[in-house]
C-alpha atoms as a PDB file:
ATOM      1  CA  MET A   1     -34.102  47.021  82.582  1.00  0.00           C
ATOM      2  CA  ALA A   2     -31.072  48.934  81.368  1.00  0.00           C
ATOM      3  CA  ASN A   3     -27.734  47.942  82.845  1.00  0.00           C
ATOM      4  CA  ALA A   4     -25.635  50.890  81.687  1.00  0.00           C
ATOM      5  CA  LEU A   5     -25.398  54.595  81.144  1.00  0.00           C
ATOM      6  CA  LEU A   6     -22.959  55.814  78.529  1.00  0.00           C
ATOM      7  CA  SER A   7     -22.076  59.454  77.966  1.00  0.00           C
ATOM      8  CA  VAL A   8     -20.359  60.290  74.714  1.00  0.00           C
ATOM      9  CA  GLN A   9     -18.718  63.400  73.358  1.00  0.00           C
ATOM     10  CA  ILE A  10     -17.995  63.030  69.677  1.00  0.00           C
ATOM     11  CA  ILE A  11     -15.333  65.306  68.205  1.00  0.00           C
ATOM     12  CA  PRO A  12     -15.199  65.032  64.420  1.00  0.00           C
ATOM     13  CA  LYS A  13     -12.239  66.301  62.441  1.00  0.00           C
ATOM     14  CA  THR A  14     -13.656  68.174  59.472  1.00  0.00           C
ATOM     15  CA  GLN A  15     -12.207  68.664  56.016  1.00  0.00           C
ATOM     16  CA  ASN A  16     -11.733  72.449  56.113  1.00  0.00           C
ATOM     17  CA  ASN A  17     -12.146  73.263  59.795  1.00  0.00           C
ATOM     18  CA  ASP A  18     -15.891  73.462  59.195  1.00  0.00           C
ATOM     19  CA  ASP A  19     -18.316  74.044  62.042  1.00  0.00           C
ATOM     20  CA  VAL A  20     -18.680  70.678  63.792  1.00  0.00           C
ATOM     21  CA  ILE A  21     -22.268  71.201  64.983  1.00  0.00           C
ATOM     22  CA  PRO A  22     -23.906  69.824  61.801  1.00  0.00           C
ATOM     23  CA  TYR A  23     -21.730  66.726  62.169  1.00  0.00           C
ATOM     24  CA  VAL A  24     -22.584  66.343  65.849  1.00  0.00           C
ATOM     25  CA  ASP A  25     -26.254  66.636  64.837  1.00  0.00           C
ATOM     26  CA  GLU A  26     -25.727  63.663  62.507  1.00  0.00           C
ATOM     27  CA  ALA A  27     -24.174  61.684  65.356  1.00  0.00           C
ATOM     28  CA  ILE A  28     -27.118  62.467  67.628  1.00  0.00           C
ATOM     29  CA  LYS A  29     -29.449  61.367  64.834  1.00  0.00           C
ATOM     30  CA  VAL A  30     -27.778  57.926  64.997  1.00  0.00           C
ATOM     31  CA  ILE A  31     -28.656  57.766  68.694  1.00  0.00           C
ATOM     32  CA  ASP A  32     -32.205  58.922  68.050  1.00  0.00           C
ATOM     33  CA  GLU A  33     -32.743  56.299  65.352  1.00  0.00           C
ATOM     34  CA  SER A  34     -31.487  53.570  67.711  1.00  0.00           C
ATOM     35  CA  GLY A  35     -34.496  53.959  69.975  1.00  0.00           C
ATOM     36  CA  VAL A  36     -32.559  54.061  73.263  1.00  0.00           C
ATOM     37  CA  LYS A  37     -33.402  56.597  75.937  1.00  0.00           C
ATOM     38  CA  TYR A  38     -31.009  59.530  75.730  1.00  0.00           C
ATOM     39  CA  GLN A  39     -30.462  63.080  76.880  1.00  0.00           C
ATOM     40  CA  VAL A  40     -28.501  65.730  75.006  1.00  0.00           C
ATOM     41  CA  ASN A  41     -26.437  67.977  77.272  1.00  0.00           C
ATOM     42  CA  PRO A  42     -24.205  70.924  76.359  1.00  0.00           C
ATOM     43  CA  LEU A  43     -20.958  68.933  76.220  1.00  0.00           C
ATOM     44  CA  GLU A  44     -22.059  65.312  75.828  1.00  0.00           C
ATOM     45  CA  THR A  45     -25.027  63.060  75.263  1.00  0.00           C
ATOM     46  CA  THR A  46     -26.002  60.373  77.753  1.00  0.00           C
ATOM     47  CA  MET A  47     -27.689  57.136  76.681  1.00  0.00           C
ATOM     48  CA  GLU A  48     -29.386  54.463  78.788  1.00  0.00           C
ATOM     49  CA  GLY A  49     -29.560  50.807  77.769  1.00  0.00           C
ATOM     50  CA  GLU A  50     -27.662  47.564  77.558  1.00  0.00           C
ATOM     51  CA  LEU A  51     -23.894  48.104  77.507  1.00  0.00           C
ATOM     52  CA  THR A  52     -23.277  46.102  74.331  1.00  0.00           C
ATOM     53  CA  GLU A  53     -26.020  48.019  72.517  1.00  0.00           C
ATOM     54  CA  LEU A  54     -24.675  51.393  73.653  1.00  0.00           C
ATOM     55  CA  LEU A  55     -21.139  50.556  72.548  1.00  0.00           C
ATOM     56  CA  ALA A  56     -22.494  49.494  69.147  1.00  0.00           C
ATOM     57  CA  ILE A  57     -24.221  52.878  68.843  1.00  0.00           C
ATOM     58  CA  VAL A  58     -20.916  54.660  69.521  1.00  0.00           C
ATOM     59  CA  GLU A  59     -19.357  52.567  66.761  1.00  0.00           C
ATOM     60  CA  LYS A  60     -22.167  53.584  64.363  1.00  0.00           C
ATOM     61  CA  MET A  61     -21.715  57.231  65.332  1.00  0.00           C
ATOM     62  CA  ASN A  62     -18.026  57.054  64.416  1.00  0.00           C
ATOM     63  CA  GLU A  63     -18.815  55.308  61.141  1.00  0.00           C
ATOM     64  CA  LYS A  64     -21.413  58.006  60.360  1.00  0.00           C
ATOM     65  CA  MET A  65     -18.809  60.725  60.793  1.00  0.00           C
ATOM     66  CA  VAL A  66     -16.568  59.103  58.192  1.00  0.00           C
ATOM     67  CA  GLU A  67     -19.593  58.552  55.936  1.00  0.00           C
ATOM     68  CA  VAL A  68     -20.431  62.288  56.010  1.00  0.00           C
ATOM     69  CA  GLY A  69     -16.866  63.267  55.108  1.00  0.00           C
ATOM     70  CA  CYS A  70     -14.800  63.478  58.280  1.00  0.00           C
ATOM     71  CA  PRO A  71     -11.318  62.051  57.824  1.00  0.00           C
ATOM     72  CA  SER A  72     -11.243  61.007  61.492  1.00  0.00           C
ATOM     73  CA  VAL A  73     -13.175  61.308  64.732  1.00  0.00           C
ATOM     74  CA  MET A  74     -12.440  61.193  68.449  1.00  0.00           C
ATOM     75  CA  SER A  75     -15.027  59.892  70.899  1.00  0.00           C
ATOM     76  CA  GLN A  76     -14.733  60.366  74.628  1.00  0.00           C
ATOM     77  CA  ILE A  77     -16.993  58.090  76.632  1.00  0.00           C
ATOM     78  CA  LYS A  78     -17.934  57.542  80.261  1.00  0.00           C
ATOM     79  CA  ILE A  79     -19.753  54.419  81.378  1.00  0.00           C
ATOM     80  CA  VAL A  80     -21.726  53.442  84.441  1.00  0.00           C
ATOM     81  CA  TYR A  81     -22.378  49.700  84.460  1.00  0.00           C
ATOM     82  CA  ASN A  82     -24.544  47.892  86.988  1.00  0.00           C
ATOM     83  CA  PRO A  83     -25.934  44.440  86.113  1.00  0.00           C
ATOM     84  CA  LYS A  84     -28.782  45.062  88.597  1.00  0.00           C
ATOM     85  CA  GLY A  85     -29.871  48.191  86.715  1.00  0.00           C
ATOM     86  CA  ALA A  86     -28.830  51.719  85.854  1.00  0.00           C
ATOM     87  CA  SER A  87     -30.913  54.750  84.985  1.00  0.00           C
ATOM     88  CA  MET A  88     -30.434  58.454  84.403  1.00  0.00           C
ATOM     89  CA  ASP A  89     -33.487  59.209  86.540  1.00  0.00           C
ATOM     90  CA  ALA A  90     -32.123  57.298  89.535  1.00  0.00           C
ATOM     91  CA  LEU A  91     -28.869  59.264  89.428  1.00  0.00           C
ATOM     92  CA  THR A  92     -30.475  62.685  88.997  1.00  0.00           C
ATOM     93  CA  GLU A  93     -33.838  62.544  90.780  1.00  0.00           C
ATOM     94  CA  LYS A  94     -32.563  64.322  93.915  1.00  0.00           C
ATOM     95  CA  TYR A  95     -31.616  67.351  91.779  1.00  0.00           C
ATOM     96  CA  LYS A  96     -35.045  67.759  90.183  1.00  0.00           C
ATOM     97  CA  SER A  97     -37.303  70.298  91.799  1.00  0.00           C
END
Protein backbone atom coordinates (compact mmCIF):
# COMPACT_ATOMS: atom_id res chain seq x y z
CA MET A 1 0.00 0.00 0.00
CA ALA A 2 1.17 3.50 -0.82
CA ASN A 3 2.32 5.63 2.08
CA ALA A 4 2.43 9.02 0.37
CA LEU A 5 0.81 11.42 -2.02
CA LEU A 6 3.04 13.96 -3.71
CA SER A 7 1.78 16.83 -5.84
CA VAL A 8 4.32 18.53 -8.05
CA GLN A 9 4.25 21.64 -10.18
CA ILE A 10 7.29 21.80 -12.41
CA ILE A 11 8.25 25.21 -13.76
CA PRO A 12 11.03 24.96 -16.35
CA LYS A 13 13.05 27.97 -17.40
CA THR A 14 13.32 27.82 -21.17
CA GLN A 15 16.06 29.09 -23.44
CA ASN A 16 14.07 31.76 -25.32
CA ASN A 17 10.94 32.11 -23.22
CA ASP A 18 9.45 29.22 -25.19
CA ASP A 19 6.05 27.80 -24.33
CA VAL A 20 6.60 25.57 -21.29
CA ILE A 21 3.80 23.09 -22.06
CA PRO A 22 5.95 20.79 -24.25
CA TYR A 23 8.49 20.67 -21.42
CA VAL A 24 5.82 19.95 -18.82
CA ASP A 25 4.59 17.16 -21.11
CA GLU A 26 8.10 15.66 -20.96
CA ALA A 27 8.03 15.85 -17.17
CA ILE A 28 4.66 14.10 -17.04
CA LYS A 29 6.06 11.43 -19.36
CA VAL A 30 8.69 10.69 -16.68
CA ILE A 31 5.87 10.09 -14.20
CA ASP A 32 3.97 7.93 -16.67
CA GLU A 33 7.01 5.78 -17.38
CA SER A 34 7.56 5.25 -13.64
CA GLY A 35 4.39 3.21 -13.33
CA VAL A 36 3.03 4.99 -10.23
CA LYS A 37 -0.61 5.99 -10.00
CA TYR A 38 -0.99 9.66 -10.90
CA GLN A 39 -3.51 12.30 -11.84
CA VAL A 40 -2.82 15.36 -13.96
CA ASN A 41 -4.64 18.48 -12.78
CA PRO A 42 -4.63 21.98 -14.26
CA LEU A 43 -1.87 23.35 -12.02
CA GLU A 44 -0.08 20.27 -10.69
CA THR A 45 0.17 16.52 -10.96
CA THR A 46 -0.45 14.25 -7.99
CA MET A 47 1.30 10.90 -7.60
CA GLU A 48 0.58 8.05 -5.19
CA GLY A 49 3.26 5.65 -3.95
CA GLU A 50 6.14 5.19 -1.57
CA LEU A 51 7.65 8.50 -0.49
CA THR A 52 11.22 7.62 -1.47
CA GLU A 53 10.06 6.50 -4.92
CA LEU A 54 8.02 9.67 -5.47
CA LEU A 55 10.92 11.92 -4.48
CA ALA A 56 13.17 10.02 -6.90
CA ILE A 57 10.64 10.67 -9.67
CA VAL A 58 10.74 14.41 -8.93
CA GLU A 59 14.53 14.24 -9.20
CA LYS A 60 14.24 12.50 -12.59
CA MET A 61 11.73 15.11 -13.76
CA ASN A 62 14.20 17.89 -12.94
CA GLU A 63 17.02 16.03 -14.67
CA LYS A 64 14.79 15.56 -17.74
CA MET A 65 14.20 19.29 -17.96
CA VAL A 66 17.93 19.96 -18.12
CA GLU A 67 18.33 17.10 -20.62
CA VAL A 68 15.77 18.70 -22.98
CA GLY A 69 17.51 22.07 -22.84
CA CYS A 70 16.23 24.01 -19.84
CA PRO A 71 19.00 25.89 -18.07
CA SER A 72 17.15 25.52 -14.75
CA VAL A 73 13.88 24.33 -13.26
CA MET A 74 11.79 25.04 -10.18
CA SER A 75 9.65 22.33 -8.62
CA GLN A 76 7.00 23.05 -6.03
CA ILE A 77 5.87 19.98 -4.13
CA LYS A 78 3.28 19.09 -1.51
CA ILE A 79 3.43 15.82 0.38
CA VAL A 80 0.98 13.82 2.44
CA TYR A 81 2.78 11.04 4.31
CA ASN A 82 1.07 8.36 6.37
CA PRO A 83 2.95 5.12 7.13
CA LYS A 84 -0.42 3.36 7.54
CA GLY A 85 -1.44 4.29 3.99
CA ALA A 86 -2.36 7.20 1.76
CA SER A 87 -4.48 7.33 -1.36
CA MET A 88 -5.96 9.92 -3.69
CA ASP A 89 -9.27 8.06 -3.69
CA ALA A 90 -9.57 8.15 0.10
CA LEU A 91 -9.06 11.92 0.15
CA THR A 92 -11.47 12.68 -2.70
CA GLU A 93 -14.19 10.02 -2.57
CA LYS A 94 -16.70 12.27 -0.78
CA TYR A 95 -16.53 14.74 -3.70
CA LYS A 96 -17.31 12.18 -6.40
CA SER A 97 -20.90 12.00 -7.48
